[in-house]
Protein backbone atom coordinates (compact mmCIF):
# COMPACT_ATOMS: atom_id res chain seq x y z
CA UNK A 1 -40.71 91.24 -88.08
CA UNK A 2 -41.67 87.60 -87.75
CA UNK A 3 -42.67 86.41 -84.29
CA UNK A 4 -42.39 82.81 -83.08
CA UNK A 5 -44.11 81.10 -80.20
CA UNK A 6 -41.86 78.62 -78.38
CA UNK A 7 -43.59 76.13 -76.07
CA UNK A 8 -41.42 73.87 -73.94
CA UNK A 9 -42.25 70.38 -72.66
CA UNK A 10 -43.35 69.28 -69.22
CA UNK A 11 -46.26 66.85 -69.29
CA UNK A 12 -49.30 68.18 -67.41
CA UNK A 13 -47.32 71.31 -66.55
CA UNK A 14 -47.94 72.50 -70.13
CA UNK A 15 -51.44 73.57 -69.09
CA UNK A 16 -49.69 76.67 -67.69
CA UNK A 17 -48.89 77.72 -71.26
CA UNK A 18 -52.55 77.98 -72.18
CA UNK A 19 -53.17 80.40 -69.33
CA UNK A 20 -50.35 82.63 -70.59
CA UNK A 21 -51.70 82.53 -74.15
CA UNK A 22 -55.21 83.28 -72.92
CA UNK A 23 -53.91 86.50 -71.36
CA UNK A 24 -52.00 87.33 -74.55
CA UNK A 25 -55.17 86.90 -76.60
CA UNK A 26 -56.93 89.39 -74.32
CA UNK A 27 -54.05 91.88 -74.28
CA UNK A 28 -53.75 91.96 -78.06
CA UNK A 29 -56.37 93.66 -80.27
CA UNK A 30 -59.20 91.47 -81.53
CA UNK A 31 -57.86 91.94 -85.05
CA UNK A 32 -54.75 89.93 -84.14
CA UNK A 33 -55.85 86.83 -86.01
CA UNK A 34 -52.45 85.14 -86.08
CA UNK A 35 -49.88 86.90 -83.86
CA UNK A 36 -47.41 84.01 -84.14
CA UNK A 37 -46.64 83.03 -87.77
CA UNK A 38 -44.17 80.44 -86.44
CA UNK A 39 -45.10 78.01 -83.67
CA UNK A 40 -42.58 75.55 -82.22
CA UNK A 41 -43.21 73.02 -79.48
CA UNK A 42 -41.63 70.08 -77.74
CA UNK A 43 -43.24 67.23 -75.82
CA UNK A 44 -46.46 68.51 -74.20
CA UNK A 45 -45.59 71.86 -75.74
CA UNK A 46 -45.88 70.12 -79.10
CA UNK A 47 -49.40 69.07 -78.18
CA UNK A 48 -50.32 72.70 -77.51
CA UNK A 49 -48.55 73.72 -80.70
CA UNK A 50 -50.57 71.46 -82.98
CA UNK A 51 -53.77 71.91 -80.98
CA UNK A 52 -53.51 75.64 -81.69
CA UNK A 53 -52.32 75.33 -85.29
CA UNK A 54 -54.66 72.51 -86.23
CA UNK A 55 -57.99 74.28 -85.91
CA UNK A 56 -59.95 77.15 -87.49
CA UNK A 57 -60.75 80.49 -85.90
CA UNK A 58 -59.00 83.51 -84.49
CA UNK A 59 -56.13 83.18 -82.06
CA UNK A 60 -58.44 83.92 -79.13
CA UNK A 61 -60.96 81.31 -80.29
CA UNK A 62 -58.28 78.66 -80.71
CA UNK A 63 -56.80 79.34 -77.28
CA UNK A 64 -60.26 79.15 -75.70
CA UNK A 65 -60.92 75.79 -77.37
CA UNK A 66 -57.63 74.33 -76.10
CA UNK A 67 -58.27 75.75 -72.63
CA UNK A 68 -61.57 73.86 -72.44
CA UNK A 69 -59.72 70.62 -73.21
CA UNK A 70 -57.14 71.20 -70.47
CA UNK A 71 -59.79 72.16 -67.90
CA UNK A 72 -61.75 68.97 -68.50
CA UNK A 73 -58.86 66.53 -68.86
CA UNK A 74 -58.43 63.48 -66.64
CA UNK A 75 -55.55 61.04 -66.31
CA UNK A 76 -57.73 58.42 -68.00
CA UNK A 77 -57.80 60.64 -71.10
CA UNK A 78 -54.01 60.39 -71.36
CA UNK A 79 -53.00 56.91 -70.17
CA UNK A 80 -54.54 53.65 -69.00
CA UNK A 81 -54.42 53.70 -65.23
CA UNK A 82 -55.98 50.37 -64.23
CA UNK A 83 -54.07 48.30 -61.67
CA UNK A 84 -53.83 45.34 -64.05
CA UNK A 85 -52.40 47.40 -66.92
CA UNK A 86 -49.89 49.32 -64.80
CA UNK A 87 -48.82 46.10 -63.01
CA UNK A 88 -48.39 44.22 -66.30
CA UNK A 89 -46.29 47.01 -67.79
CA UNK A 90 -44.18 47.22 -64.63
CA UNK A 91 -43.50 43.47 -64.77
CA UNK A 92 -42.53 43.72 -68.45
CA UNK A 93 -40.13 46.58 -67.67
CA UNK A 94 -38.56 44.63 -64.81
CA UNK A 95 -38.29 41.46 -66.87
CA UNK A 96 -36.58 43.36 -69.68
CA UNK A 97 -33.68 44.08 -67.33
CA UNK A 98 -33.02 40.34 -67.20
CA UNK A 99 -34.07 39.28 -70.68
CA UNK A 100 -32.57 41.81 -73.06
CA UNK A 101 -34.59 40.58 -76.04
CA UNK A 102 -37.88 41.63 -74.48
CA UNK A 103 -39.15 44.85 -76.00
CA UNK A 104 -37.48 44.50 -79.39
CA UNK A 105 -40.75 43.78 -81.19
CA UNK A 106 -42.99 45.77 -78.84
CA UNK A 107 -41.86 49.03 -77.20
CA UNK A 108 -41.70 48.99 -73.40
CA UNK A 109 -43.21 51.60 -71.09
CA UNK A 110 -44.77 51.94 -67.68
CA UNK A 111 -47.97 53.47 -69.07
CA UNK A 112 -50.10 52.88 -72.15
CA UNK A 113 -50.90 56.27 -73.70
CA UNK A 114 -53.41 54.92 -76.21
CA UNK A 115 -56.13 57.22 -74.79
CA UNK A 116 -53.95 60.25 -75.58
CA UNK A 117 -53.69 59.19 -79.23
CA UNK A 118 -57.49 58.96 -79.44
CA UNK A 119 -57.89 62.36 -77.80
CA UNK A 120 -55.37 64.09 -80.05
CA UNK A 121 -56.93 62.47 -83.10
CA UNK A 122 -60.09 64.41 -82.27
CA UNK A 123 -58.38 67.63 -81.20
CA UNK A 124 -55.83 68.21 -83.98
CA UNK A 125 -56.92 68.72 -87.58
CA UNK A 126 -53.80 68.36 -89.71
CA UNK A 127 -55.68 69.57 -92.79
CA UNK A 128 -56.20 72.92 -91.06
CA UNK A 129 -52.42 73.18 -90.62
CA UNK A 130 -51.94 72.61 -94.35
CA UNK A 131 -54.54 75.27 -95.17
CA UNK A 132 -53.09 77.79 -92.69
CA UNK A 133 -49.61 77.45 -94.20
CA UNK A 134 -50.97 77.58 -97.77
CA UNK A 135 -52.90 80.77 -96.96
CA UNK A 136 -49.82 82.26 -95.22
CA UNK A 137 -51.52 82.59 -91.83
CA UNK A 138 -48.72 80.35 -90.64
CA UNK A 139 -45.20 80.38 -92.00
CA UNK A 140 -44.06 77.25 -90.20
CA UNK A 141 -45.11 74.77 -87.52
CA UNK A 142 -42.48 72.59 -85.86
CA UNK A 143 -42.31 69.88 -83.21
CA UNK A 144 -39.18 68.19 -81.92
CA UNK A 145 -38.56 64.52 -81.10
CA UNK A 146 -35.50 62.47 -80.15
CA UNK A 147 -34.21 59.64 -82.33
CA UNK A 148 -33.44 56.52 -80.31
CA UNK A 149 -31.36 55.30 -83.25
CA UNK A 150 -28.92 58.25 -83.46
CA UNK A 151 -29.60 60.17 -80.25
CA UNK A 152 -30.12 63.32 -82.33
CA UNK A 153 -32.75 65.97 -81.71
CA UNK A 154 -34.95 65.98 -84.81
CA UNK A 155 -37.26 68.92 -85.53
CA UNK A 156 -40.06 67.92 -87.89
CA UNK A 157 -41.60 70.98 -89.52
CA UNK A 158 -44.05 72.15 -92.14
CA UNK A 159 -43.24 75.34 -94.01
CA UNK A 160 -41.32 76.72 -96.92
CA UNK A 161 -37.85 76.25 -95.45
CA UNK A 162 -34.83 74.09 -96.15
CA UNK A 163 -33.67 71.25 -93.94
CA UNK A 164 -30.80 72.04 -91.60
CA UNK A 165 -28.15 70.14 -89.69
CA UNK A 166 -26.18 71.17 -86.64
CA UNK A 167 -24.27 69.30 -83.93
CA UNK A 168 -26.60 66.56 -82.60
CA UNK A 169 -29.67 68.24 -84.08
CA UNK A 170 -31.35 68.66 -87.43
CA UNK A 171 -34.53 69.93 -89.05
CA UNK A 172 -36.55 67.78 -91.42
CA UNK A 173 -39.32 69.19 -93.60
CA UNK A 174 -42.28 66.83 -93.70
CA UNK A 175 -46.03 66.59 -93.42
CA UNK A 176 -46.76 66.42 -89.71
CA UNK A 177 -48.85 63.48 -88.51
CA UNK A 178 -50.22 62.10 -85.28
CA UNK A 179 -47.16 59.82 -85.04
CA UNK A 180 -44.83 62.83 -84.96
CA UNK A 181 -46.89 64.36 -82.17
CA UNK A 182 -47.04 61.16 -80.12
CA UNK A 183 -43.30 60.69 -80.52
CA UNK A 184 -42.51 64.21 -79.31
CA UNK A 185 -44.56 63.63 -76.14
CA UNK A 186 -43.33 60.09 -75.38
CA UNK A 187 -41.56 60.56 -72.02
CA UNK A 188 -38.88 57.81 -71.79
CA UNK A 189 -39.95 54.73 -69.78
CA UNK A 190 -43.30 56.42 -69.01
CA UNK A 191 -44.73 56.27 -72.54
CA UNK A 192 -43.73 53.96 -75.40
CA UNK A 193 -41.48 55.21 -78.23
CA UNK A 194 -43.12 55.73 -81.61
CA UNK A 195 -41.91 54.32 -84.89
CA UNK A 196 -41.61 56.78 -87.77
CA UNK A 197 -40.21 55.25 -90.92
CA UNK A 198 -37.39 52.90 -89.97
CA UNK A 199 -36.56 54.45 -86.58
CA UNK A 200 -38.09 54.91 -83.14
CA UNK A 201 -38.53 58.34 -81.59
CA UNK A 202 -39.21 59.60 -78.09
CA UNK A 203 -39.69 62.80 -76.13
CA UNK A 204 -37.99 65.70 -77.89
CA UNK A 205 -36.89 67.41 -74.68
CA UNK A 206 -34.43 64.63 -73.83
CA UNK A 207 -31.68 65.64 -76.27
CA UNK A 208 -32.80 69.15 -77.20
CA UNK A 209 -29.67 71.11 -76.36
CA UNK A 210 -30.82 74.33 -78.06
CA UNK A 211 -34.62 74.63 -77.70
CA UNK A 212 -34.64 78.15 -79.22
CA UNK A 213 -32.81 77.06 -82.36
CA UNK A 214 -35.75 75.63 -84.39
CA UNK A 215 -37.70 78.90 -84.26
CA UNK A 216 -34.65 80.92 -85.33
CA UNK A 217 -33.79 78.47 -88.11
CA UNK A 218 -37.34 78.84 -89.40
CA UNK A 219 -36.95 82.61 -89.75
CA UNK A 220 -38.12 84.02 -86.42
CA UNK A 221 -36.92 87.52 -85.54
CA UNK A 222 -38.76 87.68 -82.22
CA UNK A 223 -39.34 84.91 -79.68
CA UNK A 224 -42.21 84.54 -77.24
CA UNK A 225 -41.17 81.76 -74.87
CA UNK A 226 -43.44 80.06 -72.34
CA UNK A 227 -41.63 77.71 -69.95
CA UNK A 228 -42.79 75.50 -67.11
CA UNK A 229 -39.88 75.79 -64.69
CA UNK A 230 -40.15 75.87 -60.90
CA UNK A 231 -39.07 79.48 -60.55
CA UNK A 232 -35.28 78.91 -60.33
CA UNK A 233 -34.62 82.24 -58.59
CA UNK A 234 -36.83 81.23 -55.67
CA UNK A 235 -34.61 80.60 -52.64
CA UNK A 236 -35.15 77.67 -50.29
CA UNK A 237 -35.88 79.34 -46.96
CA UNK A 238 -37.55 76.65 -44.91
CA UNK A 239 -35.44 74.48 -42.65
CA UNK A 240 -35.83 70.83 -43.52
CA UNK A 241 -34.31 67.74 -42.05
CA UNK A 242 -31.58 66.33 -44.25
CA UNK A 243 -32.55 62.97 -45.73
CA UNK A 244 -31.58 60.79 -48.65
CA UNK A 245 -33.46 61.50 -51.89
CA UNK A 246 -36.33 59.17 -52.75
CA UNK A 247 -36.64 57.41 -56.10
CA UNK A 248 -39.36 59.86 -57.12
CA UNK A 249 -37.20 62.83 -56.14
CA UNK A 250 -34.37 61.45 -58.25
CA UNK A 251 -36.78 60.89 -61.15
CA UNK A 252 -38.03 64.45 -60.74
CA UNK A 253 -34.54 65.87 -61.13
CA UNK A 254 -33.92 63.72 -64.20
CA UNK A 255 -37.15 64.94 -65.77
CA UNK A 256 -36.34 68.54 -64.85
CA UNK A 257 -32.94 68.22 -66.52
CA UNK A 258 -34.68 67.33 -69.78
CA UNK A 259 -37.72 69.61 -69.67
CA UNK A 260 -36.47 72.66 -67.81
CA UNK A 261 -32.69 72.98 -67.58
CA UNK A 262 -32.01 73.24 -71.33
CA UNK A 263 -34.40 76.14 -71.92
CA UNK A 264 -33.04 77.98 -68.89
CA UNK A 265 -29.49 77.39 -70.10
CA UNK A 266 -30.38 78.67 -73.58
CA UNK A 267 -32.00 81.76 -72.08
CA UNK A 268 -28.92 82.38 -69.94
CA UNK A 269 -26.78 82.24 -73.07
CA UNK A 270 -29.26 84.58 -74.73
CA UNK A 271 -28.86 87.20 -72.01
CA UNK A 272 -25.06 86.94 -72.02
CA UNK A 273 -24.81 87.43 -75.78
CA UNK A 274 -27.32 90.25 -75.53
CA UNK A 275 -25.16 92.13 -73.05
CA UNK A 276 -22.05 91.51 -75.16
CA UNK A 277 -23.75 92.74 -78.32
CA UNK A 278 -24.99 95.89 -76.58
CA UNK A 279 -21.50 96.58 -75.27
CA UNK A 280 -20.02 96.24 -78.77
CA UNK A 281 -22.67 98.48 -80.32
CA UNK A 282 -22.37 101.13 -77.61
CA UNK A 283 -18.57 101.28 -77.86
CA UNK A 284 -16.81 103.72 -80.16
CA UNK A 285 -16.40 101.08 -82.85
CA UNK A 286 -15.18 101.67 -86.41
CA UNK A 287 -17.25 100.56 -89.39
CA UNK A 288 -14.72 97.85 -90.14
CA UNK A 289 -15.26 96.35 -86.73
CA UNK A 290 -19.03 96.42 -87.19
CA UNK A 291 -18.63 94.54 -90.45
CA UNK A 292 -16.92 91.72 -88.56
CA UNK A 293 -20.16 91.04 -86.70
CA UNK A 294 -22.54 91.80 -89.57
CA UNK A 295 -23.83 88.21 -89.55
CA UNK A 296 -25.14 88.64 -86.00
CA UNK A 297 -28.86 89.42 -85.86
CA UNK A 298 -30.68 90.65 -82.78
CA UNK A 299 -33.96 88.97 -81.87
CA UNK A 300 -36.35 90.42 -79.31
CA UNK A 301 -37.78 88.01 -76.82
CA UNK A 302 -40.21 87.66 -73.95
CA UNK A 303 -39.95 84.74 -71.54
CA UNK A 304 -42.71 83.90 -69.06
CA UNK A 305 -42.42 81.14 -66.45
CA UNK A 306 -44.44 80.18 -63.36
CA UNK A 307 -44.25 82.57 -60.41
CA UNK A 308 -45.08 79.79 -57.93
CA UNK A 309 -43.23 76.49 -57.54
CA UNK A 310 -45.23 73.87 -59.45
CA UNK A 311 -44.05 71.22 -56.97
CA UNK A 312 -46.04 72.93 -54.24
CA UNK A 313 -49.16 72.99 -56.42
CA UNK A 314 -48.73 69.34 -57.41
CA UNK A 315 -48.45 68.21 -53.80
CA UNK A 316 -52.01 69.39 -53.15
CA UNK A 317 -53.48 67.33 -55.98
CA UNK A 318 -51.74 63.95 -55.69
CA UNK A 319 -54.89 62.48 -54.16
CA UNK A 320 -56.78 63.31 -57.36
CA UNK A 321 -54.72 60.83 -59.37
CA UNK A 322 -56.02 57.29 -60.06
CA UNK A 323 -55.38 54.79 -57.25
CA UNK A 324 -52.82 52.84 -59.29
CA UNK A 325 -50.74 55.96 -59.85
CA UNK A 326 -51.03 57.01 -56.21
CA UNK A 327 -49.74 53.61 -55.16
CA UNK A 328 -46.84 53.82 -57.61
CA UNK A 329 -45.94 57.34 -56.48
CA UNK A 330 -46.22 56.39 -52.82
CA UNK A 331 -43.87 53.43 -53.20
CA UNK A 332 -41.32 55.63 -54.97
CA UNK A 333 -41.54 58.39 -52.39
CA UNK A 334 -43.45 60.99 -54.35
CA UNK A 335 -45.62 61.89 -51.36
CA UNK A 336 -42.99 61.96 -48.64
CA UNK A 337 -43.12 65.57 -47.54
CA UNK A 338 -43.50 66.67 -51.14
CA UNK A 339 -39.92 65.74 -51.99
CA UNK A 340 -40.99 63.77 -55.05
CA UNK A 341 -43.90 65.92 -56.18
CA UNK A 342 -41.88 67.16 -59.13
CA UNK A 343 -42.06 63.74 -60.80
CA UNK A 344 -45.77 63.48 -60.03
CA UNK A 345 -46.49 66.87 -61.61
CA UNK A 346 -45.53 65.62 -65.08
CA UNK A 347 -48.26 62.94 -64.94
CA UNK A 348 -50.91 64.94 -63.06
CA UNK A 349 -53.43 65.31 -65.86
CA UNK A 350 -56.26 66.25 -63.50
CA UNK A 351 -58.76 69.09 -63.70
CA UNK A 352 -57.86 70.81 -60.44
CA UNK A 353 -54.11 70.82 -61.02
CA UNK A 354 -54.30 71.85 -64.69
CA UNK A 355 -56.94 74.46 -63.93
CA UNK A 356 -54.80 76.06 -61.24
CA UNK A 357 -51.80 76.18 -63.59
CA UNK A 358 -53.94 77.80 -66.29
CA UNK A 359 -55.05 80.46 -63.83
CA UNK A 360 -51.44 80.98 -62.71
CA UNK A 361 -50.25 81.40 -66.28
CA UNK A 362 -53.04 83.87 -66.97
CA UNK A 363 -52.12 86.03 -63.96
CA UNK A 364 -48.38 85.80 -64.63
CA UNK A 365 -48.88 87.05 -68.19
CA UNK A 366 -51.15 89.90 -67.12
CA UNK A 367 -48.40 91.08 -64.76
CA UNK A 368 -46.11 91.31 -67.80
CA UNK A 369 -48.62 93.22 -69.93
CA UNK A 370 -46.24 96.09 -70.65
CA UNK A 371 -43.52 93.75 -71.86
CA UNK A 372 -46.01 91.87 -74.03
CA UNK A 373 -47.33 95.11 -75.58
CA UNK A 374 -43.78 96.29 -76.19
CA UNK A 375 -42.93 92.94 -77.78
CA UNK A 376 -45.73 93.26 -80.33
CA UNK A 377 -45.99 97.05 -80.72
CA UNK A 378 -42.33 98.09 -80.98
CA UNK A 379 -40.64 95.43 -83.15
CA UNK A 380 -37.95 97.79 -84.39
CA UNK A 381 -36.76 98.82 -80.94
CA UNK A 382 -34.33 96.67 -79.04
CA UNK A 383 -34.98 96.60 -75.33
CA UNK A 384 -31.97 96.46 -73.07
CA UNK A 385 -31.76 93.27 -71.05
CA UNK A 386 -30.29 92.60 -67.68
CA UNK A 387 -30.00 89.29 -65.88
CA UNK A 388 -33.53 89.50 -64.53
CA UNK A 389 -35.29 91.22 -67.44
CA UNK A 390 -37.86 89.60 -69.68
CA UNK A 391 -37.14 91.38 -72.94
CA UNK A 392 -33.86 91.30 -74.80
CA UNK A 393 -32.05 90.02 -77.84
CA UNK A 394 -29.86 87.18 -78.98
CA UNK A 395 -27.39 86.43 -81.71
CA UNK A 396 -29.01 84.04 -84.15
CA UNK A 397 -25.60 82.78 -85.13
CA UNK A 398 -24.93 81.43 -81.65
CA UNK A 399 -28.45 80.20 -80.89
CA UNK A 400 -29.09 78.41 -84.15
């Protein structure tokens, strides 16, 4: 059965994914050269996707190489953080609200992510992706971006598969380039959109209504999903004084709606269909009734997300950001009692923060060792899923 790795977006939060994959590489036998023939990513998850796919070596060696990058990263490696550059971009953004023609010839954004392009140019070897697919170590690699022209979610992929089209989303077979990667990670207003062909593209998480769909469309029969949510089942127990939300807190919720809410919604649908399918199969159903649902295929899955609220971790590292970003975050309320730390976490490309998320991901995955072993060792068995379980199944007809 074909397994797919699904990596969601989330800016600097995506460092958590590498910790999870590091644990997976240690849990699996050393002979597991390529445990995920299909790798799909969005936004920062797309960066991890191509960083893993675009290099030689075993799975463990590739994960270790990407981990070293995340542990040494600084904000200056991702975006220009000088006062003059941030101020100039802020003025251009503000002026564009008055003069609508500004930005037509040159994309507008708060930050210049030119350093990220240089970094990824050194990290990702697109020729290695071609060779891996040609040698069948990889069946498909996919990253998702959003078209500013049509508003559709476009999945660009390499692999021997046909294009597809669904409501507000489609898959396009193409040779992946650095432009596709930069487009997928271009957070709206934060980073500039990227032109590909005759259209501009931005962060793929913005309009990605079905983040599990690309992997299923590419032939996945099992899904290994690594998210970057803030532990949605965690209850708010501390008593806090009621106050109006800051700009940064509002921005944080908007970013969460794009990067987190869709994957959680898709997983919720997954669990519901899983329970329905199990009920149908366990009932005393005639063969004719089974035939009516013959097009439904069950897909095992494991989903791992942070056990600790990332907002709380981010609050401890705000001082590590460049002075220009600290000033911007302070004026928008990102440091007021931690209420806006969610927005800050997406831009916190700093060693301490990313290192702590890597360690958290590593520990969270080790705690799920039995589920991970079951996922890889028993592909023909379907694990029952409840609301809080990590392993289950989904109808590919509904998800794709």
